[in-house]
Protein backbone atom coordinates (compact mmCIF):
# COMPACT_ATOMS: atom_id res chain seq x y z
CA MET A 1 0.00 0.00 0.00
CA LYS A 2 1.35 3.37 -0.93
CA THR A 3 1.69 6.10 1.65
CA ASN A 4 -0.95 8.27 -0.02
CA ASP A 5 -3.42 5.38 0.01
CA TYR A 6 -2.77 4.80 3.69
CA ILE A 7 -3.24 8.48 4.55
CA LYS A 8 -6.46 8.52 2.54
CA PHE A 9 -7.72 5.44 4.39
CA LEU A 10 -6.88 6.93 7.80
CA THR A 11 -8.59 10.19 6.86
CA GLN A 12 -11.74 8.37 5.77
CA GLN A 13 -11.83 6.35 8.99
CA PHE A 14 -11.37 9.49 11.08
CA VAL A 15 -14.10 11.37 9.22
CA ASN A 16 -16.49 8.43 9.62
CA TYR A 17 -15.66 8.26 13.33
CA MET A 18 -16.27 11.97 13.84
CA ALA A 19 -19.54 11.86 11.85
CA VAL A 20 -21.09 9.52 14.43
CA PRO A 21 -22.56 11.36 17.43
CA LYS A 22 -20.65 11.04 20.70
CA SER A 23 -23.55 9.34 22.49
CA GLU A 24 -23.76 6.67 19.78
CA ARG A 25 -20.01 6.01 19.95
CA LYS A 26 -20.30 5.59 23.71
CA GLN A 27 -23.22 3.16 23.26
CA GLN A 28 -21.22 1.13 20.71
CA ARG A 29 -18.31 0.86 23.17
CA GLU A 30 -20.64 -0.34 25.94
CA ASN A 31 -22.19 -2.96 23.63
CA LYS A 32 -18.73 -4.16 22.62
CA LYS A 33 -17.71 -4.54 26.27
CA GLN A 34 -20.84 -6.56 27.06
CA ILE A 35 -20.31 -9.12 24.31
CA LYS A 36 -16.59 -9.48 25.00
CA GLU A 37 -15.42 -13.05 25.59
CA PRO A 38 -13.89 -14.01 28.94
CA PHE A 39 -10.14 -13.50 29.25
CA VAL A 40 -9.37 -17.23 29.60
CA SER A 41 -11.29 -18.17 26.45
CA ASN A 42 -9.82 -15.30 24.50
CA TRP A 43 -6.21 -16.23 25.25
CA PHE A 44 -6.29 -20.00 25.60
CA GLY A 45 -9.25 -21.21 23.54
CA ILE A 46 -11.60 -23.97 24.52
CA ILE A 47 -9.16 -26.02 26.62
CA PRO A 48 -9.83 -24.14 29.91
CA PHE A 49 -13.56 -24.41 29.28
CA ALA A 50 -13.32 -28.16 28.76
CA PHE A 51 -11.20 -28.47 31.92
CA MET A 52 -13.76 -26.51 33.97
CA MET A 53 -16.56 -28.71 32.61
CA LEU A 54 -14.60 -31.81 33.61
CA LEU A 55 -14.06 -30.49 37.14
CA LYS A 56 -17.71 -29.49 37.57
CA ARG A 57 -18.85 -32.95 36.47
CA LYS A 58 -16.86 -34.70 39.19
């Protein structure tokens, strides 16, 4: 990607970001935080989940 293309892309993203009202941006951040996966699943996959299920079963 050329430098001019990258600057153009960043400018477009910034303009789109600023076009959205502040309250809507805040709401989007809150929604993103609510649907966020747990830390253990995010970093280590399904193995910790399977281990917890095994321990709960016993």
